[in-house]
Amino acid sequence: MLEAFEKLQNATECDFEVVVNYEARKKSRHKAVTTCGTHLGWFLERGHVLEHGEFLKCSNGKVVRVTAADESVSDVSTSNALQLTRAAYHLGNRHVPLQVGEGFLRYQHDHVLDDMVRGLGLAVSHATKPFHPENGAYHGGGGAHHHKH
């Protein structure tokens, strides 16, 4: 089994790829299987969420690229900034991991949350896409990341 204990900065080449959803990417210790069937375990500092495109360095020197898996999400989009802000406020009040983009919000699909957002006057669509929520105000690293929807 491959064992990774650190993230690599500025890697461009990899030996393996692992495709994992948000729930797996937010775990500091996790076992997964690479796309070619090799078992992988990572053991990282707590509190870090692995981002799409990050690299892990294994104890044997091999490099693994992390790819965000498609998962069931709810998308809310509108050009009305006030409505979108209200929806973000109410979702945040429920401590929902939330991806924030220009003109859209995305969260892991939940019909109760969908109904709440619709009650605020917004349309909700369902999709299967990678999920990249904000890390939160108290998470280290400074700037937010931006992904196309």
N, C-alpha and C. Protein backbone atom coordinates (compact mmCIF):
# COMPACT_ATOMS: atom_id res chain seq x y z
N MET A 1 0.85 -1.18 0.00
CA MET A 1 0.00 0.00 0.00
C MET A 1 0.89 1.24 0.00
N LEU A 2 0.53 2.20 -0.83
CA LEU A 2 1.21 3.50 -0.82
C LEU A 2 0.81 4.25 0.45
N GLU A 3 1.76 4.95 1.06
CA GLU A 3 1.46 5.76 2.25
C GLU A 3 1.96 7.17 2.00
N ALA A 4 1.06 8.14 2.14
CA ALA A 4 1.41 9.55 1.92
C ALA A 4 1.31 10.29 3.25
N PHE A 5 2.36 11.04 3.57
CA PHE A 5 2.41 11.79 4.81
C PHE A 5 2.54 13.29 4.58
N GLU A 6 2.66 13.71 3.31
CA GLU A 6 2.80 15.14 3.05
C GLU A 6 2.24 15.52 1.69
N LYS A 7 1.89 16.80 1.58
CA LYS A 7 1.45 17.37 0.31
C LYS A 7 2.68 17.94 -0.37
N LEU A 8 2.66 17.93 -1.69
CA LEU A 8 3.75 18.53 -2.45
C LEU A 8 3.30 19.87 -3.00
N GLN A 9 4.16 20.85 -2.90
CA GLN A 9 3.91 22.14 -3.53
C GLN A 9 4.55 22.10 -4.92
N ASN A 10 3.91 22.62 -5.90
CA ASN A 10 4.49 22.80 -7.24
C ASN A 10 4.83 21.52 -7.98
N ALA A 11 4.19 20.42 -7.72
CA ALA A 11 4.43 19.20 -8.50
C ALA A 11 3.71 19.33 -9.84
N THR A 12 4.26 18.73 -10.86
CA THR A 12 3.61 18.75 -12.16
C THR A 12 3.43 17.34 -12.72
N GLU A 13 4.26 16.42 -12.30
CA GLU A 13 4.20 15.04 -12.78
C GLU A 13 3.72 14.14 -11.64
N CYS A 14 3.00 13.09 -12.01
CA CYS A 14 2.56 12.16 -10.96
C CYS A 14 2.68 10.73 -11.45
N ASP A 15 2.74 9.82 -10.50
CA ASP A 15 2.81 8.39 -10.80
C ASP A 15 1.44 7.73 -10.72
N PHE A 16 0.56 8.31 -9.90
CA PHE A 16 -0.77 7.75 -9.67
C PHE A 16 -1.79 8.89 -9.57
N GLU A 17 -3.05 8.53 -9.71
CA GLU A 17 -4.15 9.48 -9.50
C GLU A 17 -5.19 8.81 -8.62
N VAL A 18 -5.76 9.60 -7.70
CA VAL A 18 -6.85 9.10 -6.87
C VAL A 18 -8.02 10.07 -7.06
N VAL A 19 -9.20 9.53 -7.32
CA VAL A 19 -10.42 10.32 -7.53
C VAL A 19 -11.31 10.10 -6.31
N VAL A 20 -11.52 11.17 -5.52
CA VAL A 20 -12.28 11.04 -4.28
C VAL A 20 -13.24 12.21 -4.10
N ASN A 21 -14.33 11.95 -3.39
CA ASN A 21 -15.34 12.98 -3.15
C ASN A 21 -14.91 13.90 -1.98
N TYR A 22 -15.73 14.90 -1.71
CA TYR A 22 -15.43 15.87 -0.66
C TYR A 22 -15.29 15.22 0.71
N GLU A 23 -16.18 14.28 1.03
CA GLU A 23 -16.13 13.62 2.34
C GLU A 23 -14.78 12.96 2.57
N ALA A 24 -14.23 12.33 1.55
CA ALA A 24 -12.91 11.69 1.68
C ALA A 24 -11.80 12.74 1.71
N ARG A 25 -11.92 13.79 0.88
CA ARG A 25 -10.86 14.80 0.80
C ARG A 25 -10.70 15.59 2.09
N LYS A 26 -11.74 15.64 2.93
CA LYS A 26 -11.62 16.42 4.16
C LYS A 26 -11.07 15.58 5.33
N LYS A 27 -10.83 14.30 5.11
CA LYS A 27 -10.30 13.44 6.17
C LYS A 27 -8.77 13.53 6.20
N SER A 28 -8.23 13.61 7.40
CA SER A 28 -6.77 13.68 7.54
C SER A 28 -6.14 12.28 7.42
N ARG A 29 -6.90 11.26 7.71
CA ARG A 29 -6.44 9.89 7.56
C ARG A 29 -7.50 9.13 6.79
N HIS A 30 -7.07 8.54 5.68
CA HIS A 30 -8.06 7.90 4.82
C HIS A 30 -7.38 6.85 3.95
N LYS A 31 -8.13 5.81 3.62
CA LYS A 31 -7.66 4.79 2.68
C LYS A 31 -8.50 4.88 1.42
N ALA A 32 -7.84 4.81 0.28
CA ALA A 32 -8.51 4.89 -1.01
C ALA A 32 -7.78 3.98 -1.99
N VAL A 33 -8.29 3.91 -3.20
CA VAL A 33 -7.67 3.12 -4.25
C VAL A 33 -7.44 4.04 -5.43
N THR A 34 -6.24 4.01 -5.99
CA THR A 34 -5.92 4.85 -7.14
C THR A 34 -6.68 4.35 -8.37
N THR A 35 -6.65 5.16 -9.42
CA THR A 35 -7.38 4.79 -10.64
C THR A 35 -6.83 3.52 -11.29
N CYS A 36 -5.58 3.16 -10.97
CA CYS A 36 -5.02 1.91 -11.53
C CYS A 36 -5.12 0.74 -10.55
N GLY A 37 -5.81 0.96 -9.41
CA GLY A 37 -6.06 -0.14 -8.48
C GLY A 37 -5.07 -0.30 -7.34
N THR A 38 -4.14 0.64 -7.19
CA THR A 38 -3.17 0.57 -6.10
C THR A 38 -3.77 1.16 -4.83
N HIS A 39 -3.62 0.47 -3.72
CA HIS A 39 -4.16 0.97 -2.45
C HIS A 39 -3.29 2.11 -1.93
N LEU A 40 -3.95 3.12 -1.37
CA LEU A 40 -3.29 4.33 -0.88
C LEU A 40 -3.88 4.69 0.48
N GLY A 41 -3.01 5.07 1.38
CA GLY A 41 -3.45 5.64 2.66
C GLY A 41 -2.77 6.97 2.85
N TRP A 42 -3.54 8.00 3.25
CA TRP A 42 -2.88 9.27 3.56
C TRP A 42 -3.05 9.61 5.02
N PHE A 43 -2.03 10.26 5.54
CA PHE A 43 -1.93 10.59 6.96
C PHE A 43 -1.42 12.02 7.02
N LEU A 44 -2.33 12.98 7.05
CA LEU A 44 -1.98 14.40 6.93
C LEU A 44 -2.39 15.16 8.18
N GLU A 45 -1.93 16.40 8.28
CA GLU A 45 -2.32 17.22 9.43
C GLU A 45 -3.83 17.44 9.40
N ARG A 46 -4.40 17.47 10.59
CA ARG A 46 -5.85 17.65 10.71
C ARG A 46 -6.25 19.04 10.26
N GLY A 47 -7.44 19.13 9.69
CA GLY A 47 -7.99 20.43 9.31
C GLY A 47 -7.76 20.83 7.87
N HIS A 48 -6.92 20.10 7.15
CA HIS A 48 -6.67 20.43 5.74
C HIS A 48 -7.62 19.63 4.86
N VAL A 49 -8.26 20.31 3.92
CA VAL A 49 -9.09 19.63 2.93
C VAL A 49 -8.27 19.52 1.65
N LEU A 50 -8.10 18.31 1.17
CA LEU A 50 -7.38 18.12 -0.09
C LEU A 50 -8.16 18.75 -1.22
N GLU A 51 -7.50 19.56 -2.00
CA GLU A 51 -8.12 20.25 -3.13
C GLU A 51 -7.88 19.49 -4.42
N HIS A 52 -8.78 19.67 -5.36
CA HIS A 52 -8.63 19.12 -6.70
C HIS A 52 -7.29 19.61 -7.27
N GLY A 53 -6.47 18.68 -7.73
CA GLY A 53 -5.20 19.05 -8.35
C GLY A 53 -4.01 19.07 -7.40
N GLU A 54 -4.24 18.86 -6.10
CA GLU A 54 -3.11 18.78 -5.17
C GLU A 54 -2.39 17.45 -5.35
N PHE A 55 -1.15 17.42 -4.89
CA PHE A 55 -0.33 16.22 -5.00
C PHE A 55 0.09 15.74 -3.62
N LEU A 56 0.15 14.43 -3.46
CA LEU A 56 0.63 13.81 -2.24
C LEU A 56 1.94 13.10 -2.53
N LYS A 57 2.88 13.22 -1.61
CA LYS A 57 4.16 12.52 -1.74
C LYS A 57 4.13 11.29 -0.85
N CYS A 58 4.38 10.15 -1.44
CA CYS A 58 4.36 8.88 -0.70
C CYS A 58 5.74 8.60 -0.12
N SER A 59 5.77 7.74 0.89
CA SER A 59 7.01 7.41 1.58
C SER A 59 8.02 6.74 0.65
N ASN A 60 7.57 6.13 -0.45
CA ASN A 60 8.49 5.51 -1.40
C ASN A 60 8.91 6.47 -2.51
N GLY A 61 8.52 7.76 -2.40
CA GLY A 61 8.90 8.76 -3.40
C GLY A 61 7.89 8.94 -4.52
N LYS A 62 6.92 8.07 -4.62
CA LYS A 62 5.90 8.19 -5.67
C LYS A 62 5.00 9.39 -5.38
N VAL A 63 4.40 9.94 -6.44
CA VAL A 63 3.54 11.12 -6.32
C VAL A 63 2.14 10.77 -6.80
N VAL A 64 1.14 11.20 -6.02
CA VAL A 64 -0.27 10.92 -6.34
C VAL A 64 -1.00 12.24 -6.52
N ARG A 65 -1.70 12.38 -7.64
CA ARG A 65 -2.52 13.56 -7.89
C ARG A 65 -3.92 13.30 -7.35
N VAL A 66 -4.47 14.29 -6.63
CA VAL A 66 -5.82 14.20 -6.09
C VAL A 66 -6.79 14.85 -7.07
N THR A 67 -7.82 14.13 -7.44
CA THR A 67 -8.85 14.64 -8.34
C THR A 67 -10.20 14.58 -7.62
N ALA A 68 -10.94 15.68 -7.67
CA ALA A 68 -12.26 15.72 -7.05
C ALA A 68 -13.25 14.90 -7.88
N ALA A 69 -13.92 13.98 -7.23
CA ALA A 69 -14.91 13.13 -7.90
C ALA A 69 -16.21 13.89 -8.12
N ASP A 70 -16.94 13.48 -9.13
CA ASP A 70 -18.29 13.99 -9.32
C ASP A 70 -19.16 13.44 -8.19
N GLU A 71 -20.06 14.28 -7.70
CA GLU A 71 -21.01 13.85 -6.68
C GLU A 71 -22.32 14.61 -6.85
N SER A 72 -23.34 14.17 -6.17
CA SER A 72 -24.66 14.78 -6.28
C SER A 72 -24.68 16.12 -5.55
N VAL A 73 -24.94 17.19 -6.31
CA VAL A 73 -24.95 18.54 -5.74
C VAL A 73 -26.23 19.27 -6.15
N SER A 74 -26.51 20.32 -5.40
CA SER A 74 -27.59 21.24 -5.74
C SER A 74 -26.95 22.56 -6.12
N ASP A 75 -27.39 23.11 -7.25
CA ASP A 75 -26.87 24.39 -7.74
C ASP A 75 -27.97 25.44 -7.66
N VAL A 76 -27.58 26.60 -7.15
CA VAL A 76 -28.47 27.75 -7.07
C VAL A 76 -27.78 28.86 -7.83
N SER A 77 -28.43 29.41 -8.84
CA SER A 77 -27.80 30.51 -9.56
C SER A 77 -28.83 31.58 -9.87
N THR A 78 -28.36 32.82 -9.81
CA THR A 78 -29.20 33.96 -10.10
C THR A 78 -28.32 35.18 -10.30
N SER A 79 -28.83 36.16 -11.00
CA SER A 79 -28.09 37.42 -11.14
C SER A 79 -28.48 38.39 -10.02
N ASN A 80 -29.44 37.98 -9.17
CA ASN A 80 -29.90 38.82 -8.07
C ASN A 80 -28.99 38.59 -6.86
N ALA A 81 -28.05 39.51 -6.65
CA ALA A 81 -27.06 39.36 -5.58
C ALA A 81 -27.70 39.29 -4.20
N LEU A 82 -28.77 40.05 -3.96
CA LEU A 82 -29.43 40.03 -2.66
C LEU A 82 -30.03 38.66 -2.37
N GLN A 83 -30.71 38.08 -3.35
CA GLN A 83 -31.29 36.75 -3.15
C GLN A 83 -30.20 35.70 -2.89
N LEU A 84 -29.13 35.78 -3.64
CA LEU A 84 -28.04 34.82 -3.47
C LEU A 84 -27.37 34.98 -2.10
N THR A 85 -27.22 36.22 -1.67
CA THR A 85 -26.63 36.48 -0.35
C THR A 85 -27.53 35.95 0.76
N ARG A 86 -28.84 36.15 0.62
CA ARG A 86 -29.78 35.62 1.61
C ARG A 86 -29.70 34.10 1.69
N ALA A 87 -29.63 33.46 0.53
CA ALA A 87 -29.53 31.99 0.51
C ALA A 87 -28.23 31.55 1.17
N ALA A 88 -27.12 32.23 0.87
CA ALA A 88 -25.83 31.87 1.48
C ALA A 88 -25.90 32.05 3.00
N TYR A 89 -26.55 33.11 3.45
CA TYR A 89 -26.69 33.35 4.89
C TYR A 89 -27.45 32.20 5.56
N HIS A 90 -28.59 31.81 4.99
CA HIS A 90 -29.41 30.77 5.60
C HIS A 90 -28.72 29.40 5.54
N LEU A 91 -28.03 29.11 4.46
CA LEU A 91 -27.29 27.86 4.37
C LEU A 91 -26.13 27.86 5.36
N GLY A 92 -25.44 28.98 5.48
CA GLY A 92 -24.34 29.11 6.44
C GLY A 92 -24.82 28.96 7.87
N ASN A 93 -26.02 29.45 8.16
CA ASN A 93 -26.59 29.31 9.49
C ASN A 93 -26.78 27.85 9.87
N ARG A 94 -26.87 27.00 8.87
CA ARG A 94 -27.04 25.56 9.11
C ARG A 94 -25.69 24.84 9.00
N HIS A 95 -24.62 25.59 8.91
CA HIS A 95 -23.26 25.05 8.84
C HIS A 95 -23.10 24.07 7.68
N VAL A 96 -23.71 24.41 6.55
CA VAL A 96 -23.63 23.58 5.36
C VAL A 96 -22.35 23.92 4.60
N PRO A 97 -21.51 22.93 4.29
CA PRO A 97 -20.38 23.23 3.41
C PRO A 97 -20.92 23.82 2.10
N LEU A 98 -20.35 24.92 1.68
CA LEU A 98 -20.94 25.69 0.58
C LEU A 98 -19.86 26.15 -0.38
N GLN A 99 -20.06 25.86 -1.64
CA GLN A 99 -19.20 26.38 -2.69
C GLN A 99 -19.82 27.69 -3.17
N VAL A 100 -19.03 28.74 -3.16
CA VAL A 100 -19.52 30.07 -3.54
C VAL A 100 -18.79 30.50 -4.80
N GLY A 101 -19.54 30.81 -5.82
CA GLY A 101 -18.96 31.29 -7.07
C GLY A 101 -19.66 32.55 -7.52
N GLU A 102 -19.18 33.13 -8.58
CA GLU A 102 -19.80 34.35 -9.09
C GLU A 102 -21.18 34.01 -9.65
N GLY A 103 -22.21 34.43 -8.93
CA GLY A 103 -23.58 34.20 -9.37
C GLY A 103 -24.15 32.83 -9.03
N PHE A 104 -23.43 32.02 -8.26
CA PHE A 104 -23.99 30.71 -7.92
C PHE A 104 -23.52 30.24 -6.54
N LEU A 105 -24.31 29.33 -5.98
CA LEU A 105 -23.97 28.59 -4.76
C LEU A 105 -24.11 27.11 -5.10
N ARG A 106 -23.31 26.27 -4.46
CA ARG A 106 -23.41 24.83 -4.66
C ARG A 106 -23.23 24.16 -3.30
N TYR A 107 -24.06 23.16 -3.04
CA TYR A 107 -23.95 22.37 -1.81
C TYR A 107 -24.29 20.92 -2.14
N GLN A 108 -23.90 20.02 -1.25
CA GLN A 108 -24.23 18.62 -1.45
C GLN A 108 -25.74 18.47 -1.42
N HIS A 109 -26.25 17.72 -2.38
CA HIS A 109 -27.70 17.62 -2.55
C HIS A 109 -28.40 17.20 -1.26
N ASP A 110 -29.44 17.94 -0.92
CA ASP A 110 -30.28 17.66 0.25
C ASP A 110 -31.64 18.26 -0.04
N HIS A 111 -32.67 17.44 -0.12
CA HIS A 111 -33.99 17.94 -0.51
C HIS A 111 -34.57 18.94 0.49
N VAL A 112 -34.23 18.81 1.77
CA VAL A 112 -34.72 19.77 2.77
C VAL A 112 -34.11 21.15 2.51
N LEU A 113 -32.81 21.18 2.23
CA LEU A 113 -32.16 22.45 1.92
C LEU A 113 -32.67 23.02 0.60
N ASP A 114 -32.92 22.14 -0.37
CA ASP A 114 -33.48 22.60 -1.64
C ASP A 114 -34.82 23.30 -1.42
N ASP A 115 -35.68 22.72 -0.59
CA ASP A 115 -36.99 23.32 -0.29
C ASP A 115 -36.82 24.67 0.40
N MET A 116 -35.86 24.78 1.32
CA MET A 116 -35.62 26.04 2.01
C MET A 116 -35.20 27.12 1.00
N VAL A 117 -34.28 26.78 0.10
CA VAL A 117 -33.80 27.74 -0.88
C VAL A 117 -34.92 28.14 -1.83
N ARG A 118 -35.74 27.18 -2.24
CA ARG A 118 -36.89 27.51 -3.09
C ARG A 118 -37.85 28.45 -2.36
N GLY A 119 -38.00 28.25 -1.04
CA GLY A 119 -38.85 29.13 -0.24
C GLY A 119 -38.33 30.55 -0.18
N LEU A 120 -37.04 30.74 -0.47
CA LEU A 120 -36.46 32.08 -0.54
C LEU A 120 -36.62 32.69 -1.93
N GLY A 121 -37.30 31.96 -2.82
CA GLY A 121 -37.59 32.49 -4.15
C GLY A 121 -36.56 32.15 -5.21
N LEU A 122 -35.71 31.17 -4.94
CA LEU A 122 -34.67 30.81 -5.90
C LEU A 122 -34.93 29.43 -6.49
N ALA A 123 -34.47 29.23 -7.70
CA ALA A 123 -34.57 27.92 -8.34
C ALA A 123 -33.34 27.09 -7.97
N VAL A 124 -33.57 25.80 -7.82
CA VAL A 124 -32.49 24.87 -7.50
C VAL A 124 -32.45 23.80 -8.59
N SER A 125 -31.26 23.52 -9.09
CA SER A 125 -31.11 22.43 -10.05
C SER A 125 -30.16 21.39 -9.47
N HIS A 126 -30.34 20.16 -9.90
CA HIS A 126 -29.49 19.07 -9.42
C HIS A 126 -28.49 18.72 -10.51
N ALA A 127 -27.30 18.36 -10.08
CA ALA A 127 -26.25 18.01 -11.03
C ALA A 127 -25.32 17.00 -10.39
N THR A 128 -24.48 16.44 -11.20
CA THR A 128 -23.40 15.57 -10.73
C THR A 128 -22.11 16.23 -11.17
N LYS A 129 -21.42 16.86 -10.20
CA LYS A 129 -20.21 17.65 -10.47
C LYS A 129 -19.27 17.52 -9.28
N PRO A 130 -18.01 17.89 -9.47
CA PRO A 130 -17.10 17.98 -8.32
C PRO A 130 -17.58 19.08 -7.37
N PHE A 131 -17.33 18.90 -6.08
CA PHE A 131 -17.77 19.85 -5.06
C PHE A 131 -16.54 20.44 -4.39
N HIS A 132 -16.44 21.77 -4.40
CA HIS A 132 -15.29 22.50 -3.85
C HIS A 132 -15.77 23.57 -2.88
N PRO A 133 -16.19 23.20 -1.67
CA PRO A 133 -16.70 24.21 -0.73
C PRO A 133 -15.60 25.12 -0.19
N GLU A 134 -16.03 26.26 0.32
CA GLU A 134 -15.11 27.19 0.99
C GLU A 134 -14.52 26.49 2.21
N ASN A 135 -13.29 26.83 2.54
CA ASN A 135 -12.65 26.24 3.71
C ASN A 135 -13.14 26.86 5.01
N GLY A 136 -13.62 28.06 4.99
CA GLY A 136 -14.10 28.71 6.20
C GLY A 136 -13.16 29.79 6.68
N ALA A 137 -13.70 30.72 7.44
CA ALA A 137 -12.95 31.90 7.88
C ALA A 137 -11.80 31.56 8.81
N TYR A 138 -11.89 30.46 9.55
CA TYR A 138 -10.86 30.14 10.53
C TYR A 138 -9.84 29.16 9.99
N HIS A 139 -10.00 28.73 8.75
CA HIS A 139 -9.06 27.80 8.14
C HIS A 139 -7.88 28.58 7.60
N GLY A 140 -6.68 28.09 7.83
CA GLY A 140 -5.47 28.77 7.37
C GLY A 140 -5.38 28.80 5.87
N GLY A 141 -4.52 29.66 5.36
CA GLY A 141 -4.27 29.69 3.93
C GLY A 141 -4.66 30.98 3.28
N GLY A 142 -5.45 31.81 3.91
CA GLY A 142 -5.71 33.14 3.38
C GLY A 142 -6.80 33.20 2.33
N GLY A 143 -6.43 33.11 1.06
CA GLY A 143 -7.37 33.42 -0.01
C GLY A 143 -8.29 32.29 -0.34
N ALA A 144 -9.40 32.66 -0.94
CA ALA A 144 -10.37 31.68 -1.41
C ALA A 144 -9.92 31.15 -2.77
N HIS A 145 -10.40 30.01 -3.12
CA HIS A 145 -10.13 29.47 -4.44
C HIS A 145 -11.39 29.60 -5.26
N HIS A 146 -11.23 29.63 -6.56
CA HIS A 146 -12.39 29.83 -7.43
C HIS A 146 -12.42 28.74 -8.49
N HIS A 147 -13.58 28.19 -8.72
CA HIS A 147 -13.75 27.15 -9.72
C HIS A 147 -14.91 27.53 -10.61
N LYS A 148 -14.82 27.16 -11.84
CA LYS A 148 -15.93 27.39 -12.78
C LYS A 148 -17.06 26.43 -12.43
N HIS A 149 -18.26 26.83 -12.72
CA HIS A 149 -19.38 25.90 -12.52
C HIS A 149 -19.91 25.52 -13.85
